[in-house]
């Protein structure tokens, strides 16, 4: 917004009312713009009180990598892809995640680090079509890779997961 004062023009920054800053363990999280938040709710059919914290472009590793976006909210982790009209979407709760591992760069991960999310046994079966594999104990494994900024994505996801699992274990 520009404000004219005499002959000088000053730029005035106005923070919109939707700008909310969340700080978790030193990691700043800004909830997304209303339009992106509305799209997020529409894709995953979520209630009004759910809000998008962050989203990242990435690949979901299965037999063939599937390019899409991972969506992070206070309650869920979701993935959405629309590849030439073939839509893939799923989500699972933070409480369903048993472990998050960082896989170092290798030929199998296309030379970039990857995040491996392992769900608790018997959880997240609505999302099993997106899983890379299922181990002998019945735990689903989801591998996400080639983030534009892996360090930011990894830190954000792991901080939120630690916060959510700590509060989940305190309730149990």
Protein backbone atom coordinates (compact mmCIF):
# COMPACT_ATOMS: atom_id res chain seq x y z
CA UNK A 1 0.00 0.00 0.00
CA UNK A 2 1.34 3.40 -0.87
CA UNK A 3 0.70 6.52 1.12
CA UNK A 4 1.30 9.94 -0.42
CA UNK A 5 2.84 12.55 1.85
CA UNK A 6 3.51 15.78 -0.02
CA UNK A 7 5.65 14.78 -3.00
CA UNK A 8 7.15 11.71 -1.30
CA UNK A 9 5.60 8.28 -1.59
CA UNK A 10 6.09 5.94 1.36
CA UNK A 11 5.41 2.23 1.34
CA UNK A 12 3.36 1.13 4.32
CA UNK A 13 3.23 -2.54 5.24
CA UNK A 14 -0.06 -3.72 6.64
CA UNK A 15 -0.25 -7.12 8.26
CA UNK A 16 -3.50 -8.84 7.35
CA UNK A 17 -5.63 -10.16 10.22
CA UNK A 18 -4.96 -13.77 9.12
CA UNK A 19 -1.21 -13.48 9.77
CA UNK A 20 -0.61 -15.53 12.87
CA UNK A 21 2.83 -16.53 14.04
CA UNK A 22 3.32 -19.86 15.76
CA UNK A 23 6.68 -20.65 17.35
CA UNK A 24 7.47 -24.24 18.31
CA UNK A 25 10.91 -25.08 19.69
CA UNK A 26 12.49 -22.13 17.86
CA UNK A 27 10.83 -22.95 14.51
CA UNK A 28 8.53 -20.19 13.20
CA UNK A 29 5.37 -21.37 11.49
CA UNK A 30 3.06 -18.98 9.68
CA UNK A 31 -0.39 -20.34 8.84
CA UNK A 32 -1.08 -19.97 5.14
CA UNK A 33 -3.22 -17.43 3.32
CA UNK A 34 -7.01 -17.83 3.47
CA UNK A 35 -7.28 -18.97 -0.18
CA UNK A 36 -4.69 -21.73 0.25
CA UNK A 37 -6.29 -22.68 3.58
CA UNK A 38 -9.70 -22.97 1.91
CA UNK A 39 -8.24 -25.15 -0.86
CA UNK A 40 -6.62 -27.39 1.77
CA UNK A 41 -9.93 -27.86 3.60
CA UNK A 42 -11.75 -28.56 0.33
CA UNK A 43 -9.21 -31.17 -0.90
CA UNK A 44 -9.34 -33.19 2.32
CA UNK A 45 -12.98 -32.38 3.32
CA UNK A 46 -11.92 -30.93 6.67
CA UNK A 47 -13.94 -28.90 9.21
CA UNK A 48 -13.71 -25.10 9.44
CA UNK A 49 -11.57 -25.15 12.60
CA UNK A 50 -8.73 -26.99 10.81
CA UNK A 51 -6.02 -24.67 9.44
CA UNK A 52 -3.04 -25.17 7.18
CA UNK A 53 0.33 -24.43 8.76
CA UNK A 54 2.68 -25.27 5.90
CA UNK A 55 2.79 -27.11 2.60
CA UNK A 56 5.75 -28.40 0.62
CA UNK A 57 6.22 -29.65 -2.91
CA UNK A 58 7.70 -33.17 -2.84
CA UNK A 59 7.66 -36.67 -4.30
CA UNK A 60 5.93 -39.62 -2.71
CA UNK A 61 8.12 -42.67 -3.27
CA UNK A 62 6.26 -45.78 -4.35
CA UNK A 63 7.15 -48.03 -7.28
CA UNK A 64 7.35 -44.81 -9.30
CA UNK A 65 7.77 -41.40 -7.62
CA UNK A 66 4.57 -39.35 -7.56
CA UNK A 67 4.97 -35.57 -7.56
CA UNK A 68 2.59 -33.66 -5.30
CA UNK A 69 2.30 -31.57 -2.15
CA UNK A 70 2.50 -32.52 1.49
CA UNK A 71 0.17 -30.45 3.69
CA UNK A 72 0.86 -29.91 7.39
CA UNK A 73 -1.79 -28.81 9.86
CA UNK A 74 -2.06 -28.91 13.63
CA UNK A 75 -3.90 -32.25 13.46
CA UNK A 76 -2.99 -34.02 10.21
CA UNK A 77 -0.35 -34.71 7.57
CA UNK A 78 -1.86 -34.92 4.09
CA UNK A 79 -0.59 -35.60 0.57
CA UNK A 80 -2.27 -34.53 -2.66
CA UNK A 81 -1.28 -35.10 -6.28
CA UNK A 82 -3.08 -34.40 -9.53
CA UNK A 83 -0.95 -36.04 -12.21
CA UNK A 84 -2.61 -35.69 -15.64
CA UNK A 85 -6.07 -36.00 -14.08
CA UNK A 86 -5.16 -38.99 -11.87
CA UNK A 87 -5.74 -37.69 -8.35
CA UNK A 88 -4.10 -39.21 -5.30
CA UNK A 89 -4.89 -37.92 -1.83
CA UNK A 90 -4.65 -39.25 1.68
CA UNK A 91 -4.00 -38.04 5.19
CA UNK A 92 -3.23 -39.43 8.62
CA UNK A 93 -3.11 -38.00 12.13
CA UNK A 94 0.09 -36.91 13.88
CA UNK A 95 -0.79 -39.37 16.68
CA UNK A 96 -0.65 -42.23 14.15
CA UNK A 97 3.04 -41.60 13.42
CA UNK A 98 5.38 -43.83 15.42
CA UNK A 99 8.69 -42.59 13.99
CA UNK A 100 10.12 -40.16 11.45
CA UNK A 101 13.53 -41.01 10.02
CA UNK A 102 15.82 -39.04 7.75
CA UNK A 103 17.23 -41.20 4.97
CA UNK A 104 20.59 -39.86 3.75
CA UNK A 105 21.12 -39.05 0.06
CA UNK A 106 21.69 -42.08 -2.14
CA UNK A 107 21.07 -43.34 -5.66
CA UNK A 108 17.71 -44.77 -4.50
CA UNK A 109 16.58 -41.35 -3.20
CA UNK A 110 17.64 -39.56 -6.40
CA UNK A 111 20.61 -37.98 -4.63
CA UNK A 112 18.54 -36.08 -2.07
CA UNK A 113 17.69 -36.88 1.55
CA UNK A 114 14.23 -38.29 2.25
CA UNK A 115 11.79 -38.43 5.16
CA UNK A 116 10.40 -41.82 6.10
CA UNK A 117 7.23 -41.69 8.21
CA UNK A 118 6.36 -44.94 9.96
CA UNK A 119 2.83 -45.26 11.31
CA UNK A 120 1.85 -47.22 14.40
CA UNK A 121 0.69 -50.77 13.83
CA UNK A 122 -2.96 -50.92 12.75
CA UNK A 123 -3.19 -47.16 12.07
CA UNK A 124 -3.70 -45.17 8.89
CA UNK A 125 -5.24 -47.90 6.74
CA UNK A 126 -7.31 -45.28 4.89
CA UNK A 127 -3.97 -44.02 3.52
CA UNK A 128 -2.44 -47.41 2.68
CA UNK A 129 -2.68 -46.79 -1.09
CA UNK A 130 0.02 -44.11 -0.66
CA UNK A 131 2.37 -46.22 1.45
CA UNK A 132 5.72 -47.35 0.12
CA UNK A 133 5.42 -50.64 1.97
CA UNK A 134 4.01 -52.38 5.03
CA UNK A 135 6.36 -54.25 7.35
CA UNK A 136 5.75 -57.56 9.10
CA UNK A 137 4.28 -55.81 12.16
CA UNK A 138 1.60 -54.11 10.05
CA UNK A 139 3.16 -50.64 10.12
CA UNK A 140 2.77 -48.52 6.99
CA UNK A 141 5.81 -46.60 5.71
CA UNK A 142 5.58 -43.40 3.68
CA UNK A 143 8.68 -41.95 2.03
CA UNK A 144 8.72 -38.30 0.94
CA UNK A 145 11.69 -36.85 -0.94
CA UNK A 146 13.11 -34.05 -3.12
CA UNK A 147 11.73 -31.16 -1.10
CA UNK A 148 12.72 -27.74 -2.47
CA UNK A 149 14.25 -26.98 0.93
CA UNK A 150 14.77 -30.26 2.76
CA UNK A 151 16.17 -28.71 5.95
CA UNK A 152 13.13 -26.44 6.46
CA UNK A 153 10.64 -29.19 5.59
CA UNK A 154 12.38 -31.75 7.81
CA UNK A 155 12.69 -29.39 10.77
CA UNK A 156 9.05 -28.23 10.53
CA UNK A 157 7.65 -31.75 10.24
CA UNK A 158 9.82 -33.21 13.00
CA UNK A 159 9.10 -30.32 15.42
CA UNK A 160 5.35 -30.64 14.92
CA UNK A 161 5.53 -34.42 15.27
CA UNK A 162 7.53 -34.21 18.53
CA UNK A 163 5.07 -31.64 19.90
CA UNK A 164 2.04 -33.73 18.96
CA UNK A 165 3.43 -37.08 20.17
CA UNK A 166 4.52 -35.56 23.47
CA UNK A 167 1.02 -34.19 24.12
CA UNK A 168 -0.49 -37.53 22.94
CA UNK A 169 1.70 -39.55 25.33
CA UNK A 170 0.87 -37.19 28.21
CA UNK A 171 -2.84 -37.87 27.68
CA UNK A 172 -2.37 -41.66 27.60
